[in-house]
Amino acid sequence: MGLSLLSIIRRSILTSKQSSMASTNVPKGHFAVYVGEEQKRRLVVPISYLNHQWFQDLLRCSEEKFGFTHPMGGITIPCTEEAFTCHSSCLQSF
């Protein structure tokens, strides 16, 4: 699991470095994910999310659904935008 998680993140970072300037506007200590069912929305999240079990579960689901080739060029999270923002706002309140 650990190697797969690191591989996804490394691939996402390499892809974002090769992307256009608009997609490289990510603050230090953060990374971009794409969330949504129909329309994918790009969200910038703190790296600290990687320590939380719910986010690790989402990454495992992402790996099962997309493998290491993500259609958006970054990490695509297979859940609704509403569910993701609800969970992330709970984490930010701690």
N, C-alpha and C. Protein backbone atom coordinates (compact mmCIF):
# COMPACT_ATOMS: atom_id res chain seq x y z
N MET A 1 0.82 -1.19 0.00
CA MET A 1 0.00 0.00 0.00
C MET A 1 0.86 1.24 0.00
N GLY A 2 1.89 1.28 0.84
CA GLY A 2 2.73 2.46 0.94
C GLY A 2 3.41 2.81 -0.37
N LEU A 3 3.93 1.81 -1.06
CA LEU A 3 4.59 2.09 -2.33
C LEU A 3 3.60 2.58 -3.37
N SER A 4 2.42 2.03 -3.41
CA SER A 4 1.41 2.47 -4.37
C SER A 4 1.03 3.91 -4.12
N LEU A 5 0.83 4.27 -2.87
CA LEU A 5 0.47 5.63 -2.50
C LEU A 5 1.56 6.60 -2.91
N LEU A 6 2.80 6.27 -2.62
CA LEU A 6 3.92 7.13 -3.01
C LEU A 6 4.04 7.23 -4.52
N SER A 7 3.80 6.14 -5.21
CA SER A 7 3.88 6.16 -6.67
C SER A 7 2.85 7.09 -7.27
N ILE A 8 1.63 7.07 -6.73
CA ILE A 8 0.58 7.96 -7.23
C ILE A 8 0.98 9.40 -7.03
N ILE A 9 1.49 9.72 -5.85
CA ILE A 9 1.85 11.10 -5.54
C ILE A 9 3.03 11.55 -6.39
N ARG A 10 4.05 10.72 -6.51
CA ARG A 10 5.21 11.09 -7.34
C ARG A 10 4.80 11.32 -8.79
N ARG A 11 3.96 10.44 -9.31
CA ARG A 11 3.52 10.58 -10.70
C ARG A 11 2.72 11.86 -10.87
N SER A 12 1.88 12.19 -9.88
CA SER A 12 1.10 13.41 -9.94
C SER A 12 2.00 14.64 -9.92
N ILE A 13 3.03 14.62 -9.08
CA ILE A 13 3.96 15.75 -9.00
C ILE A 13 4.71 15.91 -10.31
N LEU A 14 5.19 14.81 -10.87
CA LEU A 14 5.90 14.88 -12.15
C LEU A 14 4.99 15.40 -13.24
N THR A 15 3.76 14.93 -13.27
CA THR A 15 2.81 15.39 -14.28
C THR A 15 2.51 16.86 -14.13
N SER A 16 2.35 17.31 -12.88
CA SER A 16 2.04 18.72 -12.67
C SER A 16 3.21 19.61 -13.07
N LYS A 17 4.45 19.13 -12.91
CA LYS A 17 5.61 19.92 -13.34
C LYS A 17 5.66 20.05 -14.85
N GLN A 18 5.11 19.05 -15.54
CA GLN A 18 5.15 19.06 -17.00
C GLN A 18 3.92 19.76 -17.58
N SER A 19 2.96 20.11 -16.76
CA SER A 19 1.72 20.73 -17.23
C SER A 19 1.91 22.23 -17.45
N SER A 20 0.85 22.86 -17.85
CA SER A 20 0.89 24.31 -18.09
C SER A 20 1.06 25.07 -16.79
N MET A 21 1.36 26.36 -16.89
CA MET A 21 1.59 27.20 -15.72
C MET A 21 0.35 27.26 -14.82
N ALA A 22 -0.83 27.21 -15.38
CA ALA A 22 -2.05 27.31 -14.58
C ALA A 22 -2.16 26.17 -13.59
N SER A 23 -1.70 24.99 -13.96
CA SER A 23 -1.84 23.85 -13.07
C SER A 23 -0.68 23.73 -12.09
N THR A 24 0.33 24.57 -12.20
CA THR A 24 1.45 24.48 -11.27
C THR A 24 1.33 25.49 -10.14
N ASN A 25 0.24 26.21 -10.07
CA ASN A 25 0.03 27.18 -9.00
C ASN A 25 -0.49 26.50 -7.74
N VAL A 26 0.36 25.68 -7.16
CA VAL A 26 0.02 24.96 -5.93
C VAL A 26 0.99 25.40 -4.86
N PRO A 27 0.49 25.89 -3.73
CA PRO A 27 1.39 26.34 -2.67
C PRO A 27 2.25 25.20 -2.12
N LYS A 28 3.39 25.55 -1.60
CA LYS A 28 4.27 24.57 -0.99
C LYS A 28 3.51 23.88 0.14
N GLY A 29 3.66 22.56 0.24
CA GLY A 29 2.98 21.79 1.28
C GLY A 29 1.57 21.37 0.89
N HIS A 30 1.21 21.54 -0.37
CA HIS A 30 -0.11 21.18 -0.88
C HIS A 30 0.04 20.40 -2.18
N PHE A 31 -1.05 19.78 -2.62
CA PHE A 31 -1.08 19.15 -3.94
C PHE A 31 -2.50 19.21 -4.48
N ALA A 32 -2.62 19.05 -5.78
CA ALA A 32 -3.92 19.17 -6.43
C ALA A 32 -4.56 17.80 -6.60
N VAL A 33 -5.86 17.76 -6.41
CA VAL A 33 -6.66 16.57 -6.69
C VAL A 33 -7.85 17.00 -7.54
N TYR A 34 -8.41 16.06 -8.27
CA TYR A 34 -9.61 16.31 -9.05
C TYR A 34 -10.74 15.50 -8.44
N VAL A 35 -11.85 16.17 -8.15
CA VAL A 35 -12.97 15.56 -7.43
C VAL A 35 -14.26 15.80 -8.19
N GLY A 36 -15.14 14.81 -8.17
CA GLY A 36 -16.45 14.96 -8.79
C GLY A 36 -16.81 13.73 -9.58
N GLU A 37 -18.09 13.58 -9.83
CA GLU A 37 -18.54 12.41 -10.58
C GLU A 37 -18.61 12.72 -12.08
N GLU A 38 -19.38 13.70 -12.47
CA GLU A 38 -19.49 14.08 -13.88
C GLU A 38 -18.43 15.12 -14.23
N GLN A 39 -18.54 16.29 -13.64
CA GLN A 39 -17.59 17.37 -13.84
C GLN A 39 -16.51 17.27 -12.77
N LYS A 40 -15.28 17.20 -13.17
CA LYS A 40 -14.17 17.14 -12.22
C LYS A 40 -13.74 18.56 -11.85
N ARG A 41 -13.59 18.80 -10.57
CA ARG A 41 -13.15 20.11 -10.08
C ARG A 41 -11.79 19.94 -9.44
N ARG A 42 -10.88 20.83 -9.77
CA ARG A 42 -9.53 20.79 -9.22
C ARG A 42 -9.52 21.48 -7.86
N LEU A 43 -9.07 20.75 -6.84
CA LEU A 43 -8.96 21.29 -5.50
C LEU A 43 -7.53 21.15 -5.02
N VAL A 44 -7.06 22.12 -4.28
CA VAL A 44 -5.71 22.07 -3.71
C VAL A 44 -5.86 21.74 -2.24
N VAL A 45 -5.19 20.66 -1.82
CA VAL A 45 -5.32 20.18 -0.44
C VAL A 45 -3.94 20.09 0.21
N PRO A 46 -3.90 20.22 1.54
CA PRO A 46 -2.61 20.11 2.23
C PRO A 46 -2.08 18.68 2.24
N ILE A 47 -0.77 18.57 2.22
CA ILE A 47 -0.13 17.25 2.25
C ILE A 47 -0.49 16.49 3.52
N SER A 48 -0.84 17.19 4.58
CA SER A 48 -1.21 16.53 5.84
C SER A 48 -2.40 15.60 5.67
N TYR A 49 -3.21 15.77 4.61
CA TYR A 49 -4.33 14.86 4.36
C TYR A 49 -3.85 13.43 4.18
N LEU A 50 -2.61 13.26 3.73
CA LEU A 50 -2.08 11.92 3.50
C LEU A 50 -1.98 11.11 4.78
N ASN A 51 -2.00 11.77 5.92
CA ASN A 51 -1.92 11.07 7.21
C ASN A 51 -3.27 10.56 7.69
N HIS A 52 -4.36 10.97 7.06
CA HIS A 52 -5.69 10.62 7.52
C HIS A 52 -6.23 9.39 6.79
N GLN A 53 -6.83 8.51 7.58
CA GLN A 53 -7.31 7.23 7.04
C GLN A 53 -8.34 7.42 5.94
N TRP A 54 -9.27 8.37 6.09
CA TRP A 54 -10.30 8.54 5.06
C TRP A 54 -9.70 8.93 3.72
N PHE A 55 -8.63 9.75 3.74
CA PHE A 55 -8.00 10.15 2.49
C PHE A 55 -7.22 8.99 1.89
N GLN A 56 -6.57 8.20 2.73
CA GLN A 56 -5.86 7.01 2.24
C GLN A 56 -6.84 6.03 1.60
N ASP A 57 -8.03 5.90 2.18
CA ASP A 57 -9.06 5.04 1.58
C ASP A 57 -9.50 5.57 0.22
N LEU A 58 -9.64 6.89 0.11
CA LEU A 58 -9.99 7.49 -1.18
C LEU A 58 -8.91 7.24 -2.22
N LEU A 59 -7.65 7.31 -1.80
CA LEU A 59 -6.55 7.05 -2.74
C LEU A 59 -6.55 5.59 -3.19
N ARG A 60 -6.87 4.67 -2.29
CA ARG A 60 -6.96 3.26 -2.67
C ARG A 60 -8.08 3.06 -3.69
N CYS A 61 -9.22 3.70 -3.47
CA CYS A 61 -10.32 3.62 -4.43
C CYS A 61 -9.91 4.20 -5.77
N SER A 62 -9.17 5.29 -5.72
CA SER A 62 -8.69 5.93 -6.94
C SER A 62 -7.76 4.99 -7.70
N GLU A 63 -6.88 4.33 -6.98
CA GLU A 63 -5.96 3.37 -7.60
C GLU A 63 -6.73 2.22 -8.24
N GLU A 64 -7.76 1.71 -7.55
CA GLU A 64 -8.55 0.61 -8.09
C GLU A 64 -9.32 1.03 -9.35
N LYS A 65 -9.84 2.25 -9.33
CA LYS A 65 -10.66 2.72 -10.46
C LYS A 65 -9.82 3.17 -11.65
N PHE A 66 -8.74 3.93 -11.39
CA PHE A 66 -7.97 4.53 -12.48
C PHE A 66 -6.58 3.94 -12.67
N GLY A 67 -6.11 3.15 -11.71
CA GLY A 67 -4.73 2.67 -11.77
C GLY A 67 -3.79 3.85 -11.59
N PHE A 68 -2.69 3.85 -12.29
CA PHE A 68 -1.73 4.93 -12.17
C PHE A 68 -1.82 5.92 -13.32
N THR A 69 -2.78 5.72 -14.21
CA THR A 69 -2.99 6.64 -15.31
C THR A 69 -4.29 7.39 -15.05
N HIS A 70 -4.16 8.58 -14.51
CA HIS A 70 -5.34 9.37 -14.17
C HIS A 70 -5.73 10.24 -15.36
N PRO A 71 -7.00 10.23 -15.72
CA PRO A 71 -7.45 10.95 -16.91
C PRO A 71 -7.22 12.46 -16.86
N MET A 72 -7.15 13.04 -15.68
CA MET A 72 -6.97 14.48 -15.56
C MET A 72 -5.50 14.88 -15.44
N GLY A 73 -4.61 13.91 -15.43
CA GLY A 73 -3.19 14.22 -15.31
C GLY A 73 -2.71 14.34 -13.88
N GLY A 74 -3.61 14.37 -12.94
CA GLY A 74 -3.29 14.42 -11.52
C GLY A 74 -4.04 13.33 -10.80
N ILE A 75 -4.13 13.43 -9.51
CA ILE A 75 -4.86 12.43 -8.73
C ILE A 75 -6.35 12.73 -8.84
N THR A 76 -7.11 11.75 -9.33
CA THR A 76 -8.55 11.88 -9.45
C THR A 76 -9.20 11.08 -8.34
N ILE A 77 -9.99 11.74 -7.51
CA ILE A 77 -10.65 11.10 -6.38
C ILE A 77 -12.07 10.72 -6.79
N PRO A 78 -12.43 9.43 -6.70
CA PRO A 78 -13.75 8.99 -7.15
C PRO A 78 -14.83 9.16 -6.07
N CYS A 79 -15.22 10.40 -5.84
CA CYS A 79 -16.34 10.68 -4.94
C CYS A 79 -16.95 12.02 -5.35
N THR A 80 -18.08 12.33 -4.77
CA THR A 80 -18.72 13.60 -5.11
C THR A 80 -17.94 14.75 -4.49
N GLU A 81 -18.06 15.89 -5.11
CA GLU A 81 -17.40 17.09 -4.59
C GLU A 81 -17.95 17.44 -3.20
N GLU A 82 -19.24 17.26 -3.02
CA GLU A 82 -19.87 17.57 -1.74
C GLU A 82 -19.31 16.70 -0.62
N ALA A 83 -19.18 15.39 -0.88
CA ALA A 83 -18.65 14.48 0.13
C ALA A 83 -17.21 14.83 0.48
N PHE A 84 -16.42 15.15 -0.54
CA PHE A 84 -15.02 15.48 -0.31
C PHE A 84 -14.89 16.75 0.51
N THR A 85 -15.62 17.79 0.16
CA THR A 85 -15.52 19.05 0.89
C THR A 85 -16.05 18.91 2.31
N CYS A 86 -17.06 18.08 2.51
CA CYS A 86 -17.59 17.84 3.85
C CYS A 86 -16.52 17.19 4.73
N HIS A 87 -15.88 16.13 4.23
CA HIS A 87 -14.83 15.45 4.99
C HIS A 87 -13.63 16.37 5.23
N SER A 88 -13.24 17.11 4.20
CA SER A 88 -12.06 17.98 4.37
C SER A 88 -12.35 19.12 5.32
N SER A 89 -13.58 19.64 5.35
CA SER A 89 -13.88 20.72 6.31
C SER A 89 -13.88 20.20 7.73
N CYS A 90 -14.25 18.95 7.93
CA CYS A 90 -14.17 18.35 9.27
C CYS A 90 -12.71 18.24 9.72
N LEU A 91 -11.82 17.91 8.82
CA LEU A 91 -10.40 17.81 9.15
C LEU A 91 -9.82 19.16 9.48
N GLN A 92 -10.23 20.20 8.77
CA GLN A 92 -9.69 21.52 8.99
C GLN A 92 -10.14 22.13 10.31
N SER A 93 -11.21 21.59 10.88
CA SER A 93 -11.70 22.13 12.15
C SER A 93 -10.91 21.61 13.34
N PHE A 94 -10.07 20.57 13.12
CA PHE A 94 -9.26 20.01 14.21
C PHE A 94 -8.04 20.85 14.47
